[in-house]
Every structure is written in C-alpha cells, then in structure tokens.
Amino acid sequence: MLFKQINLGGAGPSAKVGCGGLLFLLGLILVSPVGQWLITGIGWLFVLIGGFSIAIEIYLWIKGSSNDRSV
C-alpha cells in the first residue's frame, strides 16, 4: 500500500505547537457548556436531516410504486 507524505514545507516545530494548541482549545470548548450545546445542536440537526431524508425516500418509494402499476 502506498501512502503519500504531506509536505509542510519549513513549518518545523511551530506547526506541532499550533496543532496542539488548536486541539487544546477544541477540547476546552467541548467540555464547556458551549460544547454541550454544540454537540446537542449537531445531534438534533442530524436527527432532523435523517427524518427529512426518510420522508423523501418514502415519498419517492410510493411515487415509484404508483408508476409501476401504470406499466
């Protein structure tokens, strides 16, 4: 299996420090009340998208079934 290495140029150790700092801030946001609100909001968004897609698929299924009878 061939893996392509990403070249970050001359970033050096500052890239690792920046990545670590970004992960630290993301962790602080996720354990705060804002993170709880964010995760809950994303969860409800996925529930709504899932319900919407199920409704569309049922509609298309019923619409397709009525077209099959006319053939």
C-alpha atoms as a PDB file:
ATOM      1  CA  MET A   1       0.000   0.000   0.000  1.00  0.00           C
ATOM      2  CA  LEU A   2       1.400   3.389  -0.961  1.00  0.00           C
ATOM      3  CA  PHE A   3       0.964   6.404   1.299  1.00  0.00           C
ATOM      4  CA  LYS A   4       1.715   9.914   0.132  1.00  0.00           C
ATOM      5  CA  GLN A   5       3.524  12.098   2.630  1.00  0.00           C
ATOM      6  CA  ILE A   6       2.226  15.635   3.021  1.00  0.00           C
ATOM      7  CA  ASN A   7       4.993  18.206   2.772  1.00  0.00           C
ATOM      8  CA  LEU A   8       4.504  21.044   5.257  1.00  0.00           C
ATOM      9  CA  GLY A   9       7.485  22.946   3.934  1.00  0.00           C
ATOM     10  CA  GLY A  10       9.618  24.719   6.510  1.00  0.00           C
ATOM     11  CA  ALA A  11       6.969  24.854   9.260  1.00  0.00           C
ATOM     12  CA  GLY A  12       9.158  22.978  11.715  1.00  0.00           C
ATOM     13  CA  PRO A  13       8.147  22.519  15.345  1.00  0.00           C
ATOM     14  CA  SER A  14       5.855  25.556  15.275  1.00  0.00           C
ATOM     15  CA  ALA A  15       3.313  23.518  13.289  1.00  0.00           C
ATOM     16  CA  LYS A  16       3.177  20.909  16.061  1.00  0.00           C
ATOM     17  CA  VAL A  17       2.764  23.596  18.712  1.00  0.00           C
ATOM     18  CA  GLY A  18      -0.021  25.235  16.717  1.00  0.00           C
ATOM     19  CA  CYS A  19      -1.792  21.923  16.192  1.00  0.00           C
ATOM     20  CA  GLY A  20      -1.503  21.095  19.884  1.00  0.00           C
ATOM     21  CA  GLY A  21      -2.850  24.495  20.836  1.00  0.00           C
ATOM     22  CA  LEU A  22      -5.767  24.095  18.463  1.00  0.00           C
ATOM     23  CA  LEU A  23      -6.591  20.681  19.922  1.00  0.00           C
ATOM     24  CA  PHE A  24      -6.342  22.122  23.444  1.00  0.00           C
ATOM     25  CA  LEU A  25      -8.803  24.918  22.619  1.00  0.00           C
ATOM     26  CA  LEU A  26     -11.161  22.479  20.908  1.00  0.00           C
ATOM     27  CA  GLY A  27     -11.056  20.264  23.988  1.00  0.00           C
ATOM     28  CA  LEU A  28     -11.853  23.226  26.250  1.00  0.00           C
ATOM     29  CA  ILE A  29     -14.809  24.167  24.070  1.00  0.00           C
ATOM     30  CA  LEU A  30     -16.156  20.604  24.062  1.00  0.00           C
ATOM     31  CA  VAL A  31     -16.029  20.211  27.862  1.00  0.00           C
ATOM     32  CA  SER A  32     -17.628  23.613  28.488  1.00  0.00           C
ATOM     33  CA  PRO A  33     -21.382  24.288  28.462  1.00  0.00           C
ATOM     34  CA  VAL A  34     -20.920  25.733  24.972  1.00  0.00           C
ATOM     35  CA  GLY A  35     -19.554  22.369  23.839  1.00  0.00           C
ATOM     36  CA  GLN A  36     -22.540  20.587  25.343  1.00  0.00           C
ATOM     37  CA  TRP A  37     -24.866  22.956  23.467  1.00  0.00           C
ATOM     38  CA  LEU A  38     -22.850  22.490  20.274  1.00  0.00           C
ATOM     39  CA  ILE A  39     -22.903  18.686  20.423  1.00  0.00           C
ATOM     40  CA  THR A  40     -26.615  18.660  21.308  1.00  0.00           C
ATOM     41  CA  GLY A  41     -27.344  21.023  18.415  1.00  0.00           C
ATOM     42  CA  ILE A  42     -25.377  18.884  15.961  1.00  0.00           C
ATOM     43  CA  GLY A  43     -27.208  15.797  17.223  1.00  0.00           C
ATOM     44  CA  TRP A  44     -30.621  17.376  16.688  1.00  0.00           C
ATOM     45  CA  LEU A  45     -29.519  18.595  13.270  1.00  0.00           C
ATOM     46  CA  PHE A  46     -28.616  15.020  12.303  1.00  0.00           C
ATOM     47  CA  VAL A  47     -31.981  13.790  13.623  1.00  0.00           C
ATOM     48  CA  LEU A  48     -33.817  16.373  11.506  1.00  0.00           C
ATOM     49  CA  ILE A  49     -31.774  15.603   8.398  1.00  0.00           C
ATOM     50  CA  GLY A  50     -32.365  11.874   8.911  1.00  0.00           C
ATOM     51  CA  GLY A  51     -36.110  12.347   9.352  1.00  0.00           C
ATOM     52  CA  PHE A  52     -36.265  14.565   6.284  1.00  0.00           C
ATOM     53  CA  SER A  53     -34.363  12.052   4.162  1.00  0.00           C
ATOM     54  CA  ILE A  54     -36.610   9.201   5.361  1.00  0.00           C
ATOM     55  CA  ALA A  55     -39.694  11.237   4.439  1.00  0.00           C
ATOM     56  CA  ILE A  56     -38.293  11.962   0.972  1.00  0.00           C
ATOM     57  CA  GLU A  57     -37.389   8.310   0.406  1.00  0.00           C
ATOM     58  CA  ILE A  58     -40.868   7.143   1.461  1.00  0.00           C
ATOM     59  CA  TYR A  59     -42.419   9.704  -0.890  1.00  0.00           C
ATOM     60  CA  LEU A  60     -40.224   8.594  -3.784  1.00  0.00           C
ATOM     61  CA  TRP A  61     -40.906   4.941  -2.979  1.00  0.00           C
ATOM     62  CA  ILE A  62     -44.683   5.492  -3.043  1.00  0.00           C
ATOM     63  CA  LYS A  63     -44.420   7.656  -6.166  1.00  0.00           C
ATOM     64  CA  GLY A  64     -42.324   4.963  -7.871  1.00  0.00           C
ATOM     65  CA  SER A  65     -44.807   2.259  -6.865  1.00  0.00           C
ATOM     66  CA  SER A  66     -47.692   4.137  -8.469  1.00  0.00           C
ATOM     67  CA  ASN A  67     -45.700   4.497 -11.713  1.00  0.00           C
ATOM     68  CA  ASP A  68     -45.009   0.739 -11.785  1.00  0.00           C
ATOM     69  CA  ARG A  69     -48.741  -0.067 -11.763  1.00  0.00           C
ATOM     70  CA  SER A  70     -49.418   2.002 -14.867  1.00  0.00           C
ATOM     71  CA  VAL A  71     -46.943  -0.009 -16.970  1.00  0.00           C
END
